[in-house]
Protein backbone atom coordinates (compact mmCIF):
# COMPACT_ATOMS: atom_id res chain seq x y z
CA MET A 1 38.99 -0.33 -5.92
CA LYS A 2 37.19 -3.15 -5.85
CA LEU A 3 40.25 -5.01 -5.21
CA ASN A 4 41.30 -2.67 -2.26
CA SER A 5 38.46 -2.37 -0.74
CA SER A 6 38.26 -6.16 -0.53
CA PHE A 7 41.46 -6.83 0.62
CA PHE A 8 40.82 -4.00 3.59
CA LEU A 9 37.90 -5.94 4.57
CA ILE A 10 39.66 -9.15 5.07
CA CYS A 11 42.59 -7.68 6.61
CA PHE A 12 40.32 -5.77 8.98
CA SER A 13 38.21 -8.99 9.90
CA LEU A 14 41.25 -10.94 10.97
CA PHE A 15 42.80 -8.07 12.94
CA ALA A 16 39.26 -6.99 14.60
CA SER A 17 39.11 -10.57 15.65
CA LEU A 18 41.78 -9.95 18.19
CA LEU A 19 39.48 -7.21 19.75
CA ALA A 20 36.63 -7.45 22.33
CA ALA A 21 33.97 -6.40 20.47
CA GLN A 22 30.60 -5.57 21.44
CA ASN A 23 28.81 -6.10 18.58
CA LYS A 24 30.51 -7.98 15.22
CA GLU A 25 28.15 -8.06 12.07
CA LEU A 26 29.29 -9.25 8.64
CA GLU A 27 26.93 -9.28 5.65
CA PHE A 28 27.26 -10.55 2.01
CA PHE A 29 25.23 -10.54 -0.96
CA PHE A 30 25.22 -11.69 -4.43
CA SER A 31 22.74 -11.95 -6.98
CA ASP A 32 23.34 -12.84 -10.62
CA THR A 33 20.45 -12.70 -13.59
CA GLN A 34 20.81 -12.28 -17.24
CA ASN A 35 20.82 -8.36 -17.06
CA VAL A 36 21.98 -7.57 -13.71
CA ARG A 37 24.82 -8.72 -11.69
CA SER A 38 25.32 -7.23 -8.06
CA THR A 39 27.23 -7.84 -5.10
CA GLN A 40 26.89 -6.11 -1.59
CA ASN A 41 29.19 -6.40 1.28
CA ALA A 42 28.67 -4.50 4.97
CA LEU A 43 30.73 -5.24 8.54
CA ASN A 44 29.48 -3.52 11.57
CA TYR A 45 32.20 -3.92 14.19
CA GLN A 46 31.41 -2.19 17.80
CA ILE A 47 34.07 -2.17 20.80
CA LEU A 48 33.06 -1.12 24.16
CA TYR A 49 36.25 -0.41 25.91
CA SER A 50 34.71 1.50 28.98
CA PRO A 51 31.00 1.33 30.13
CA ARG A 52 30.24 4.75 28.54
CA SER A 53 32.64 4.72 25.63
CA LEU A 54 32.33 3.04 22.62
CA ILE A 55 34.20 2.80 19.01
CA GLY A 56 32.16 1.85 15.73
CA ILE A 57 33.61 0.82 12.44
CA LYS A 58 31.39 0.55 9.36
CA VAL A 59 32.86 -0.68 6.00
CA ASN A 60 30.47 -1.10 2.92
CA THR A 61 31.48 -2.11 -0.56
CA GLY A 62 29.03 -2.59 -3.55
CA THR A 63 29.07 -3.60 -7.27
CA ASP A 64 26.70 -3.66 -9.69
CA GLU A 65 26.75 -4.42 -13.51
CA ARG A 66 23.75 -4.12 -16.06
CA LEU A 67 24.86 -6.28 -18.81
CA THR A 68 22.59 -5.14 -21.32
CA PHE A 69 24.11 -1.65 -22.01
CA ALA A 70 27.78 -2.55 -20.23
CA GLN A 71 26.76 -0.18 -17.07
CA ARG A 72 28.93 -0.70 -13.98
CA SER A 73 29.13 1.06 -10.80
CA ARG A 74 30.76 0.60 -7.96
CA GLN A 75 30.64 2.21 -4.26
CA ALA A 76 32.63 2.03 -0.82
CA SER A 77 32.48 3.52 2.43
CA LEU A 78 34.60 3.60 5.47
CA GLN A 79 33.37 5.38 8.44
CA MET A 80 34.77 5.60 12.07
CA ASP A 81 32.55 6.38 15.04
CA TRP A 82 33.81 7.28 18.65
CA GLN A 83 31.21 7.96 21.17
CA LEU A 84 32.58 9.19 25.00
CA GLY A 85 29.38 9.11 27.18
CA GLY A 86 28.86 11.08 30.45
CA ARG A 87 25.98 11.61 32.60
CA LEU A 88 24.93 14.97 30.85
CA PHE A 89 27.04 15.33 28.07
CA SER A 90 27.96 12.77 25.23
CA HIS A 91 30.61 13.39 22.52
CA PHE A 92 30.61 12.02 19.12
CA ILE A 93 33.56 11.92 16.80
CA ASN A 94 32.72 10.55 13.29
CA THR A 95 35.02 10.03 10.33
CA GLY A 96 35.18 8.58 6.91
CA TYR A 97 36.01 8.21 3.55
CA GLU A 98 33.10 7.14 0.72
CA TYR A 99 34.15 6.50 -3.27
CA PHE A 100 31.99 6.15 -6.30
CA TYR A 101 32.22 5.11 -9.82
CA ASP A 102 29.88 4.76 -12.81
CA SER A 103 30.32 4.10 -16.47
CA SER A 104 28.11 3.17 -19.15
CA SER A 105 28.20 2.43 -22.92
CA LEU A 106 26.11 4.87 -23.53
CA GLU A 107 28.26 7.59 -22.62
CA GLN A 108 31.16 6.68 -24.65
CA GLU A 109 32.20 9.92 -25.40
CA LEU A 110 32.55 10.69 -21.51
CA SER A 111 35.21 9.46 -19.27
CA PRO A 112 33.78 7.15 -16.32
CA TYR A 113 32.48 9.04 -13.28
CA ARG A 114 34.64 9.09 -10.25
CA ASN A 115 33.74 10.90 -6.96
CA LYS A 116 35.78 10.57 -3.69
CA THR A 117 34.25 11.99 -0.46
CA ALA A 118 36.08 12.51 3.00
CA PHE A 119 34.75 13.60 6.29
CA LEU A 120 35.70 14.59 9.65
CA GLY A 121 32.60 15.46 12.36
CA TYR A 122 31.97 16.36 15.83
CA ASP A 123 28.35 15.98 17.65
CA LEU A 124 27.66 17.38 21.23
CA GLU A 125 24.54 16.01 23.20
CA PHE A 126 22.92 17.21 26.25
CA SER A 127 20.71 15.01 27.97
CA PRO A 128 19.71 16.06 31.52
CA MET A 129 17.13 13.53 31.54
CA ASP A 130 16.10 10.27 29.39
CA SER A 131 13.10 12.21 28.05
CA LEU A 132 15.12 15.17 26.94
CA ALA A 133 18.19 15.83 24.96
CA LEU A 134 19.75 18.69 22.75
CA ASN A 135 21.94 17.68 19.86
CA LEU A 136 24.46 19.83 18.16
CA GLY A 137 27.04 19.06 15.20
CA GLY A 138 28.87 19.51 12.10
CA SER A 139 31.64 17.98 9.63
CA ALA A 140 34.16 19.22 7.39
CA ILE A 141 33.92 17.59 4.07
CA ILE A 142 36.27 17.23 1.22
CA ARG A 143 35.12 16.07 -2.03
CA ARG A 144 37.33 15.43 -5.36
CA GLU A 145 35.62 14.28 -8.75
CA GLU A 146 37.52 13.33 -11.79
CA ASP A 147 36.62 15.81 -14.79
CA ARG A 148 34.43 13.68 -17.51
CA TYR A 149 35.69 15.99 -20.52
CA THR A 150 39.43 16.16 -19.11
CA ALA A 151 41.49 13.61 -18.08
CA ASP A 152 43.94 13.92 -15.31
CA ARG A 153 41.59 17.01 -14.05
CA LEU A 154 39.88 17.54 -10.88
CA LEU A 155 36.65 19.07 -10.03
CA LYS A 156 37.03 20.53 -6.26
CA SER A 157 34.45 20.80 -3.84
CA ASP A 158 34.80 21.70 -0.19
CA GLY A 159 32.40 22.62 2.61
CA TYR A 160 30.51 21.47 5.65
CA ARG A 161 27.54 20.44 7.29
CA MET A 162 25.83 21.65 10.31
CA GLN A 163 23.12 20.31 11.95
CA GLY A 164 21.18 20.49 15.21
CA SER A 165 18.26 18.42 16.96
CA MET A 166 15.90 18.18 19.93
CA ARG A 167 13.76 15.61 21.80
CA ALA A 168 11.47 15.92 24.12
CA ALA A 169 8.86 13.29 25.82
CA SER A 170 6.30 13.31 28.80
CA GLY A 171 3.31 11.94 30.35
CA TRP A 172 0.51 13.29 32.46
CA GLY A 173 -2.26 10.53 33.67
CA ASP A 174 -3.01 8.26 30.89
CA ALA A 175 -1.61 10.94 28.27
CA GLN A 176 1.45 10.52 26.22
CA PHE A 177 3.02 13.26 24.38
CA GLY A 178 6.38 14.27 22.76
CA ILE A 179 8.28 16.51 20.38
CA ARG A 180 10.74 16.20 17.95
CA ALA A 181 12.69 18.66 15.90
CA HIS A 182 15.77 18.68 13.32
CA VAL A 183 17.68 21.68 11.49
CA GLU A 184 20.57 20.40 8.33
CA SER A 185 22.73 22.42 6.43
CA LYS A 186 24.91 21.26 3.92
CA GLU A 187 26.97 23.75 1.55
CA LEU A 188 29.59 22.72 -0.71
CA ASP A 189 30.92 24.38 -3.84
CA TRP A 190 28.31 22.56 -6.18
CA GLU A 191 25.87 20.91 -3.56
CA ALA A 192 24.03 22.56 -1.26
CA TYR A 193 20.60 21.79 0.84
CA ARG A 194 18.80 23.08 3.87
CA ARG A 195 16.45 20.78 6.06
CA THR A 196 13.92 21.32 8.52
CA ASN A 197 11.70 19.31 10.50
CA ILE A 198 9.38 19.41 13.33
CA SER A 199 7.08 16.42 14.27
CA ALA A 200 4.75 16.02 17.61
CA TRP A 201 2.70 13.10 18.80
CA THR A 202 -0.04 12.50 21.63
CA ASP A 203 -1.31 9.20 22.69
CA TYR A 204 -4.38 9.00 25.17
CA GLU A 205 -5.47 5.54 26.17
CA THR A 206 -7.76 3.80 28.95
CA TYR A 207 -9.39 0.64 29.25
CA GLN A 208 -12.21 1.88 26.47
CA PHE A 209 -10.64 4.62 24.54
CA GLN A 210 -7.90 5.27 22.77
CA TRP A 211 -6.54 8.43 20.83
CA GLN A 212 -3.64 8.93 18.74
CA GLN A 213 -2.33 11.93 16.98
CA SER A 214 0.99 12.80 14.93
CA PHE A 215 1.93 16.11 13.44
CA ASN A 216 4.86 16.30 10.59
CA TRP A 217 6.23 19.28 9.13
CA ASP A 218 9.21 19.23 6.39
CA TYR A 219 10.73 22.29 4.77
CA ASN A 220 13.54 21.20 2.18
CA GLU A 221 15.77 23.79 -0.06
CA ASP A 222 17.83 21.96 -2.84
CA ASP A 223 20.74 23.96 -5.07
CA LEU A 224 20.39 22.04 -8.35
CA TYR A 225 24.02 22.19 -10.44
CA VAL A 226 24.58 20.81 -13.94
CA LEU A 227 27.80 19.40 -15.01
CA GLU A 228 28.66 21.51 -18.56
CA MET A 229 31.57 21.25 -20.57
CA ARG A 230 33.22 24.68 -20.95
CA HIS A 231 35.20 25.14 -24.69
CA GLY A 232 38.44 26.80 -24.58
CA ASP A 233 42.28 25.44 -25.48
CA ARG A 234 40.74 21.94 -24.51
CA PRO A 235 37.16 21.07 -23.34
CA GLU A 236 36.52 21.18 -19.50
CA GLY A 237 34.09 20.06 -17.29
CA ASN A 238 32.15 22.61 -14.82
CA TYR A 239 29.38 22.79 -12.57
CA ARG A 240 27.05 25.55 -13.19
CA PHE A 241 24.08 26.36 -10.81
CA SER A 242 20.74 25.75 -12.56
CA ASP A 243 17.90 25.94 -10.03
CA MET A 244 16.68 26.01 -6.57
CA GLN A 245 14.06 23.75 -5.80
CA LYS A 246 11.43 24.20 -2.45
CA ARG A 247 9.71 21.16 -1.06
CA ASN A 248 7.14 22.03 1.95
CA SER A 249 5.10 19.07 3.32
CA ILE A 250 2.43 18.91 6.19
CA GLY A 251 0.98 15.46 7.54
CA TYR A 252 -1.54 14.77 10.30
CA ASN A 253 -2.47 11.39 11.55
CA SER A 254 -5.31 10.68 13.96
CA PHE A 255 -6.53 7.45 15.32
CA MET A 256 -9.73 7.25 18.07
CA GLU A 257 -11.22 3.83 19.23
CA TYR A 258 -14.01 3.05 21.67
CA ARG A 259 -14.40 -0.46 22.99
CA HIS A 260 -17.56 -1.29 25.14
CA PRO A 261 -16.89 -2.62 28.20
CA SER A 262 -18.45 -5.90 27.29
CA ASP A 263 -16.46 -6.19 23.88
CA TYR A 264 -19.68 -6.31 22.12
CA VAL A 265 -19.00 -2.64 20.51
CA ARG A 266 -16.08 -1.38 18.84
CA ILE A 267 -16.02 1.61 17.02
CA THR A 268 -12.27 3.00 15.18
CA PHE A 269 -12.06 6.37 13.39
CA ALA A 270 -9.09 7.18 11.39
CA ASP A 271 -7.94 10.56 9.49
CA ILE A 272 -4.73 11.24 7.23
CA PHE A 273 -3.93 14.10 5.73
CA TRP A 274 -0.83 15.09 3.90
CA ARG A 275 -0.37 18.14 1.33
CA ARG A 276 3.35 18.85 -0.36
CA TYR A 277 4.07 22.06 -2.34
CA LEU A 278 7.07 21.97 -4.88
CA SER A 279 8.27 24.91 -6.37
CA MET A 280 11.33 25.91 -8.60
CA GLN A 281 13.09 29.38 -8.70
CA GLU A 282 13.58 29.07 -12.41
CA ASN A 283 11.81 26.51 -13.78
CA ALA A 284 8.34 27.38 -12.86
CA PRO A 285 6.46 25.42 -15.01
CA ARG A 286 7.27 22.58 -12.88
CA ASN A 287 5.26 23.99 -9.63
CA ASN A 288 2.79 21.63 -8.32
CA THR A 289 0.88 20.92 -5.40
CA ASP A 290 -0.17 17.57 -3.97
CA LEU A 291 -2.85 16.96 -1.26
CA ILE A 292 -4.21 13.43 0.19
CA ASN A 293 -7.11 12.96 2.65
CA GLN A 294 -8.31 9.90 3.82
CA THR A 295 -11.23 9.23 6.45
CA ASN A 296 -12.13 5.48 7.55
CA LEU A 297 -15.12 4.83 10.12
CA ASP A 298 -15.55 1.41 11.45
CA LEU A 299 -18.24 -0.36 13.79
CA ASP A 300 -17.81 -3.82 14.66
CA VAL A 301 -20.88 -5.12 16.60
CA GLN A 302 -21.23 -8.76 18.23
CA LEU A 303 -25.07 -9.00 17.74
CA HIS A 304 -25.03 -12.45 19.14
CA PRO A 305 -22.43 -14.98 20.31
CA ARG A 306 -22.46 -16.60 16.90
CA LEU A 307 -23.93 -13.38 14.86
CA SER A 308 -21.33 -10.63 13.93
CA LEU A 309 -21.65 -7.62 11.92
CA ASN A 310 -18.64 -5.26 10.58
CA SER A 311 -19.23 -2.14 8.46
CA ARG A 312 -16.88 0.70 7.05
CA ALA A 313 -17.67 3.97 5.66
CA MET A 314 -14.61 5.55 3.36
CA TYR A 315 -13.83 8.71 1.84
CA HIS A 316 -10.50 9.56 0.02
CA TYR A 317 -9.62 12.56 -1.48
CA SER A 318 -6.63 13.60 -3.51
CA LEU A 319 -5.44 16.66 -5.60
CA LYS A 320 -2.62 17.23 -8.06
CA ASP A 321 -1.96 20.91 -9.17
CA PHE A 322 0.08 22.17 -11.51
CA SER A 323 0.60 25.62 -11.32
CA TYR A 324 1.04 26.47 -15.01
CA LEU A 325 0.13 23.75 -17.14
CA GLY A 326 -3.34 23.62 -16.39
CA ASN A 327 -4.06 20.04 -16.26
CA THR A 328 -5.26 19.88 -12.33
CA ARG A 329 -6.88 16.49 -11.32
CA HIS A 330 -9.23 15.83 -8.43
CA THR A 331 -9.75 12.32 -7.48
CA SER A 332 -12.23 11.42 -4.74
CA LEU A 333 -13.74 8.11 -3.93
CA ARG A 334 -16.40 7.02 -1.57
CA GLY A 335 -17.29 3.77 -0.03
CA LEU A 336 -19.75 2.02 2.24
CA SER A 337 -19.18 -1.78 3.13
CA ALA A 338 -21.23 -3.95 5.53
CA ARG A 339 -20.34 -7.79 6.38
CA LEU A 340 -22.45 -10.20 8.27
CA GLY A 341 -21.06 -13.38 9.70
CA TRP A 342 -23.33 -16.17 11.01
CA GLU A 343 -21.53 -19.31 12.77
CA TYR A 344 -24.69 -21.47 12.28
CA LEU A 345 -22.54 -24.88 14.19
CA PRO A 346 -19.25 -24.41 15.51
CA TYR A 347 -16.76 -23.25 12.88
CA ASP A 348 -19.66 -23.76 10.48
CA SER A 349 -20.36 -19.95 9.01
CA LEU A 350 -22.75 -18.38 6.45
CA LEU A 351 -21.25 -14.86 5.27
CA VAL A 352 -22.95 -11.98 3.41
CA GLN A 353 -20.99 -8.75 2.26
CA TYR A 354 -22.13 -5.78 0.45
CA SER A 355 -20.11 -2.89 -0.92
CA ILE A 356 -20.84 0.16 -2.98
CA ASP A 357 -18.25 2.88 -3.96
CA LEU A 358 -18.04 5.77 -6.09
CA GLN A 359 -14.72 6.81 -7.74
CA ARG A 360 -14.71 10.28 -9.49
CA SER A 361 -12.10 12.33 -11.44
CA LEU A 362 -12.40 15.94 -12.21
CA TYR A 363 -10.34 18.23 -14.57
CA PRO A 364 -11.92 21.77 -13.69
CA GLU A 365 -9.03 23.51 -15.88
CA GLU A 366 -9.88 21.32 -19.24
CA ASP A 367 -13.37 22.41 -19.16
CA HIS A 368 -14.32 18.94 -17.32
CA LYS A 369 -14.13 17.13 -20.60
CA TRP A 370 -12.12 14.56 -19.29
CA ASP A 371 -14.49 13.88 -15.89
CA ASN A 372 -15.33 10.37 -15.45
CA ASP A 373 -17.54 8.49 -12.64
CA LEU A 374 -16.88 5.02 -11.73
CA ARG A 375 -19.59 3.39 -9.52
CA THR A 376 -19.36 -0.15 -8.33
CA SER A 377 -21.56 -2.31 -6.55
CA SER A 378 -20.86 -5.60 -5.25
CA LEU A 379 -22.22 -8.65 -3.43
CA SER A 380 -20.43 -11.66 -1.82
CA PHE A 381 -22.13 -14.64 -0.47
CA GLY A 382 -20.21 -17.62 1.35
CA VAL A 383 -20.42 -20.50 3.00
CA VAL A 384 -17.97 -22.88 5.25
CA HIS A 385 -18.79 -25.87 6.33
CA TYR A 386 -16.91 -28.80 8.20
CA TRP A 387 -18.02 -32.58 7.23
CA LYS A 388 -16.81 -35.04 9.54
CA GLN A 389 -14.09 -32.68 10.74
CA ARG A 390 -11.74 -33.58 8.00
CA MET A 391 -13.21 -32.12 5.28
CA ARG A 392 -13.41 -28.41 4.63
CA LEU A 393 -16.08 -27.12 1.96
CA SER A 394 -16.18 -23.76 1.17
CA THR A 395 -17.89 -21.55 -1.72
CA TRP A 396 -18.11 -18.20 -2.68
CA ILE A 397 -20.48 -16.54 -5.10
CA ASN A 398 -19.82 -12.85 -5.83
CA TRP A 399 -21.73 -10.69 -8.03
CA SER A 400 -20.38 -7.19 -8.83
CA LEU A 401 -21.91 -4.21 -11.50
CA LYS A 402 -19.63 -1.50 -12.81
CA ASP A 403 -21.17 2.12 -14.35
CA ASP A 404 -17.99 3.61 -16.00
CA VAL A 405 -19.29 7.15 -17.15
CA TYR A 406 -17.75 9.87 -19.05
CA ILE A 407 -19.27 12.72 -18.80
CA ASP A 408 -18.26 14.87 -21.78
CA GLY A 409 -19.58 13.69 -25.47
CA ILE A 410 -16.27 13.78 -26.73
CA LEU A 411 -15.65 10.11 -24.81
CA SER A 412 -19.30 9.06 -24.37
CA SER A 413 -18.88 6.22 -26.49
CA ASN A 414 -16.82 4.60 -23.82
CA ASN A 415 -19.97 4.78 -21.34
CA LYS A 416 -20.72 1.11 -20.61
CA HIS A 417 -22.04 -1.47 -17.77
CA ILE A 418 -20.13 -4.23 -16.84
CA ASN A 419 -22.10 -7.05 -15.02
CA SER A 420 -19.63 -9.87 -13.55
CA ILE A 421 -20.61 -12.70 -11.52
CA SER A 422 -18.29 -15.69 -10.08
CA LEU A 423 -18.37 -18.93 -8.47
CA MET A 424 -15.29 -20.04 -6.57
CA PRO A 425 -15.74 -23.71 -4.70
CA ASP A 426 -12.99 -25.24 -2.60
CA CYS A 427 -12.51 -28.40 -0.72
CA ARG A 428 -9.74 -29.71 1.57
CA ILE A 429 -9.50 -33.09 2.90
CA LEU A 430 -7.33 -34.28 5.46
CA ILE A 431 -5.97 -37.58 5.31
CA GLY A 432 -4.72 -39.34 8.75
CA ASP A 433 -2.49 -36.19 9.86
CA ARG A 434 0.13 -36.09 7.54
CA LEU A 435 -1.33 -35.78 4.32
CA SER A 436 -4.23 -33.51 2.64
CA PHE A 437 -5.89 -33.22 -0.76
CA ASN A 438 -6.90 -29.84 -2.01
CA GLN A 439 -9.07 -28.88 -4.84
CA TYR A 440 -9.97 -25.29 -5.93
CA TYR A 441 -12.05 -24.07 -8.50
CA LYS A 442 -13.23 -20.61 -10.21
CA LEU A 443 -15.49 -19.91 -12.53
CA ARG A 444 -16.39 -16.15 -13.86
CA ALA A 445 -18.38 -14.51 -16.70
CA GLU A 446 -18.39 -10.95 -17.57
CA TYR A 447 -20.70 -8.81 -19.72
CA THR A 448 -19.89 -5.34 -21.18
CA ASP A 449 -22.92 -3.62 -22.31
CA TYR A 450 -21.98 -0.24 -24.04
CA MET A 451 -24.51 2.44 -23.80
CA TYR A 452 -23.50 3.77 -27.18
CA GLU A 453 -25.85 1.69 -29.58
CA GLY A 454 -22.99 1.80 -32.16
CA ARG A 455 -20.46 -0.35 -30.12
CA ASN A 456 -21.09 -3.99 -29.72
CA ARG A 457 -21.04 -5.79 -26.36
CA SER A 458 -18.35 -7.72 -25.26
CA PHE A 459 -18.13 -11.36 -23.07
CA TYR A 460 -15.38 -12.79 -21.03
CA ARG A 461 -15.29 -15.91 -19.49
CA HIS A 462 -12.76 -17.72 -17.33
CA LEU A 463 -12.34 -21.15 -16.12
CA GLY A 464 -9.61 -22.57 -13.65
CA TYR A 465 -9.08 -25.23 -11.81
CA ARG A 466 -6.14 -26.55 -9.27
CA TYR A 467 -5.41 -29.98 -7.89
CA SER A 468 -2.77 -30.18 -5.05
CA LEU A 469 -1.26 -33.52 -2.62
CA THR A 470 0.18 -32.43 0.15
CA PHE A 471 2.54 -34.26 2.68
CA ASP A 472 4.02 -33.00 5.90
CA SER A 473 5.97 -34.88 8.46
CA PHE A 474 5.61 -32.31 11.11
CA PRO A 475 2.75 -33.32 11.13
CA LEU A 476 0.37 -31.42 8.44
CA ALA A 477 -2.42 -31.00 11.02
CA ALA A 478 -0.30 -29.29 13.54
CA ARG A 479 1.07 -26.83 10.97
CA SER A 480 -2.04 -26.43 8.93
CA GLY A 481 -3.35 -23.50 11.25
CA ASN A 482 -6.84 -24.84 10.41
CA PRO A 483 -9.04 -24.21 13.76
CA VAL A 484 -10.54 -27.95 13.45
CA TRP A 485 -7.81 -29.70 12.16
CA MET A 486 -5.47 -28.76 15.46
CA LEU A 487 -7.94 -30.21 17.57
CA LEU A 488 -7.74 -33.66 16.15
CA PRO A 489 -5.27 -36.23 17.56
CA TYR A 490 -1.71 -36.47 15.61
CA ARG A 491 1.98 -37.30 16.19
CA GLN A 492 4.28 -34.95 17.73
CA GLY A 493 6.80 -33.97 15.40
CA TYR A 494 10.68 -34.15 16.25
CA GLY A 495 12.55 -32.17 13.97
CA ASN A 496 13.97 -32.92 10.60
CA ALA A 497 10.50 -32.66 9.28
CA ILE A 498 9.98 -32.97 5.28
CA SER A 499 7.00 -31.63 3.51
CA MET A 500 6.14 -32.15 -0.53
CA GLU A 501 3.49 -31.30 -2.68
CA LEU A 502 2.59 -32.56 -6.06
CA SER A 503 0.16 -29.89 -7.93
CA PHE A 504 -1.69 -29.57 -11.38
CA GLY A 505 -3.71 -26.49 -12.51
CA TYR A 506 -5.84 -25.25 -15.81
CA GLU A 507 -6.92 -22.10 -16.77
CA GLN A 508 -8.86 -20.70 -20.00
CA ASN A 509 -9.76 -17.54 -20.91
CA ASP A 510 -12.45 -16.65 -23.78
CA TYR A 511 -12.88 -13.21 -25.37
CA ALA A 512 -16.16 -12.78 -27.45
CA ASP A 513 -18.10 -10.19 -28.79
CA SER A 514 -21.71 -9.84 -29.59
CA MET A 515 -23.01 -10.89 -32.86
CA GLY A 516 -26.85 -10.06 -32.48
CA GLU A 517 -28.37 -12.71 -30.27
CA TYR A 518 -25.35 -14.79 -29.52
CA TYR A 519 -21.38 -13.89 -28.79
CA LEU A 520 -18.57 -15.35 -31.15
CA ILE A 521 -15.17 -15.98 -29.33
CA ASN A 522 -12.57 -14.32 -31.13
CA SER A 523 -9.64 -14.85 -28.99
CA LYS A 524 -8.79 -17.48 -26.34
CA ASN A 525 -5.85 -19.08 -24.57
CA LYS A 526 -5.21 -22.08 -22.50
CA ARG A 527 -2.36 -22.66 -19.68
CA TYR A 528 -1.74 -26.11 -18.04
CA SER A 529 0.78 -26.13 -15.03
CA SER A 530 2.02 -28.93 -13.08
CA GLY A 531 4.88 -28.68 -9.99
CA PHE A 532 6.51 -30.55 -7.38
CA GLN A 533 7.76 -29.05 -4.35
CA ILE A 534 9.89 -30.26 -1.22
CA LYS A 535 11.15 -28.95 1.60
CA HIS A 536 13.23 -30.45 4.02
CA ASP A 537 14.73 -29.60 7.88
CA ILE A 538 17.63 -31.13 8.91
CA ASP A 539 19.11 -29.81 11.88
CA SER A 540 20.02 -26.46 11.22
CA LEU A 541 20.06 -26.99 7.42
CA TYR A 542 17.06 -26.33 5.19
CA TYR A 543 16.32 -26.96 1.43
CA ILE A 544 14.36 -26.64 -1.21
CA VAL A 545 13.61 -28.04 -4.70
CA GLU A 546 10.51 -26.87 -6.65
CA PRO A 547 10.27 -27.75 -10.49
CA LYS A 548 7.52 -26.36 -12.61
CA TYR A 549 6.20 -26.51 -15.99
CA PHE A 550 3.80 -24.32 -17.70
CA TRP A 551 2.27 -25.43 -21.56
CA GLY A 552 -0.45 -24.71 -23.57
CA THR A 553 -0.84 -20.98 -25.36
CA TRP A 554 2.53 -20.50 -24.36
CA GLN A 555 5.30 -22.63 -22.16
CA GLU A 556 7.76 -21.97 -19.56
CA TYR A 557 10.31 -24.16 -17.68
CA SER A 558 11.16 -23.03 -13.96
CA LEU A 559 13.32 -24.78 -11.48
CA LEU A 560 14.19 -23.44 -7.99
CA LEU A 561 16.83 -24.71 -5.96
CA GLY A 562 17.20 -23.19 -2.34
CA LEU A 563 19.64 -24.09 0.63
CA ALA A 564 19.54 -22.38 3.89
CA TRP A 565 21.92 -23.01 6.64
CA GLN A 566 21.62 -21.79 10.61
CA LEU A 567 25.34 -21.11 11.50
CA ASN A 568 24.27 -20.00 15.02
CA PRO A 569 21.17 -18.53 16.42
CA GLN A 570 21.74 -15.09 14.61
CA SER A 571 23.45 -16.23 11.86
CA LEU A 572 22.43 -17.39 8.30
CA LEU A 573 23.69 -18.61 5.13
CA GLU A 574 21.38 -18.58 1.84
CA PHE A 575 21.88 -19.95 -1.45
CA SER A 576 19.30 -20.21 -4.42
CA LEU A 577 19.51 -21.13 -8.12
CA ASN A 578 16.97 -20.39 -10.45
CA PRO A 579 16.64 -21.17 -14.02
CA ILE A 580 13.54 -19.98 -15.86
CA GLY A 581 12.56 -19.78 -19.79
CA GLU A 582 10.49 -20.76 -22.83
CA SER A 583 12.81 -23.35 -23.68
CA LEU A 584 15.24 -25.60 -22.19
CA ASN A 585 18.06 -24.59 -24.49
CA SER A 586 16.94 -21.04 -23.71
CA LEU A 587 17.36 -20.86 -20.01
CA GLU A 588 17.96 -17.78 -17.77
CA TRP A 589 19.90 -18.57 -15.01
CA ARG A 590 19.17 -16.53 -11.43
CA SER A 591 21.18 -17.23 -8.61
CA SER A 592 22.00 -15.20 -5.08
CA ILE A 593 24.14 -15.83 -1.92
CA ASN A 594 23.29 -14.39 1.16
CA LEU A 595 25.65 -14.43 4.10
CA SER A 596 24.31 -12.64 7.41
CA LEU A 597 26.84 -13.53 10.51
CA ARG A 598 26.34 -12.15 13.90
CA TYR A 599 29.13 -12.99 16.05
């Protein structure tokens, strides 16, 4: 099947090149790793043979191989569409063929799974105006599946698919609103489902105020079948109806924004509500309900041309309820945060941020013995300063306190306070207009104090830094995105840009337990990293070479080779090769090829 589909794809491409096409697209993707190898092909061809008539042809093929347990799957599809447009009525005729194959060494007692499906359908759309359309259609389906228990025996499943939909939209003054509805039913001998969807939206917007709302309701019924072996003169496979699954969900989204005429104040409010019910006709213990409700209120105030305040209040609630298993879980999260920024000099800023949130997990049907509260308070202070325009200095100091409490005594020995403080200075220096030297440091200390006296306190310490030297001929000052560097005089780039970066980094993590008045380190790890990256644009050709080496507690080798070729403004060819591993003698080679043609 793989050879036949590839041969058909090539032949059709040659034939189609003789026809005048409205749109021609060809996609090819190949990926190869130590565990998985996959290939995907896609061809989309559209022929506009009259102002209101269109023929579309789609061909898709794909293969996937999981080398760890010899699993192979192949799929192919061919679909042809005819569209005949009119002023009020449009006709759509579609036909196609689908093939699917799957085999695995884990199922040696069964034959490979092979499925072939053909369909022919017709849709009619009535559109008296651009904002109103009604659609009604259906298709006949023929499916043949090879029996996995008996050779040369087919399981037949014939049936149909029916669907209807409508959409309408309108406006009145500053308001826009619309509604959509869709109904679909599919009935085969051993596959059936029913779908219903209704959605509506409104949008009201003025210069100062905006209010958007959307509503969505979904109802799905699925008939579930199981392939079983029927004993007799010879074993045969047979599909048996096992259960009916019903899924019912409802969702509502709302967004409001108020902007003061002077743009000094902005208030936004967002609310998301979603609820889903799942019920089984036979397997009732699987019945469950999900509920999510999230609300955000943001206030942005420009107190002074150089002083701003951003604050947020947030509430999140979720529910997971199993009808029979008795392990219902309620989770809520409440949070408040505020951020104050002062630009005391042009592009130099002081920032202060504070936040507090409480996460609560409740298990009411388990007598609340797993209930947990987690409260987190954090305070951050940051400063950004430019020295002589070419040196950007920034520092962040963060402090946080976590209180992790289990309500019931069965887990109360895990109750603890976690106190953390970190320092993160950063320095970036621009040399000329094409070279920069960057430094980044991070220091962090975390203390865990258990409320139960029988448990020892613990300590975690982290040290990290990274140096990088970057060259960019574009030049770098223009591509940095730095608002100060982009104001400096720099040379203009004329294409064929090249950039290079040399980097070195170090990380150390220490873990310790309390021994009276001091801490004893019982575990530590170190990691060094070095890398070199080169990127080069040569007209429509782009390549990247990036070797990396990590050593210390563990080591790793990595090399990334990438190539991209812009064939035309809408077509691209990409290739990548990435060997990676802990030893040069046992590298895992990862490669990929991606071709995207628009012609």
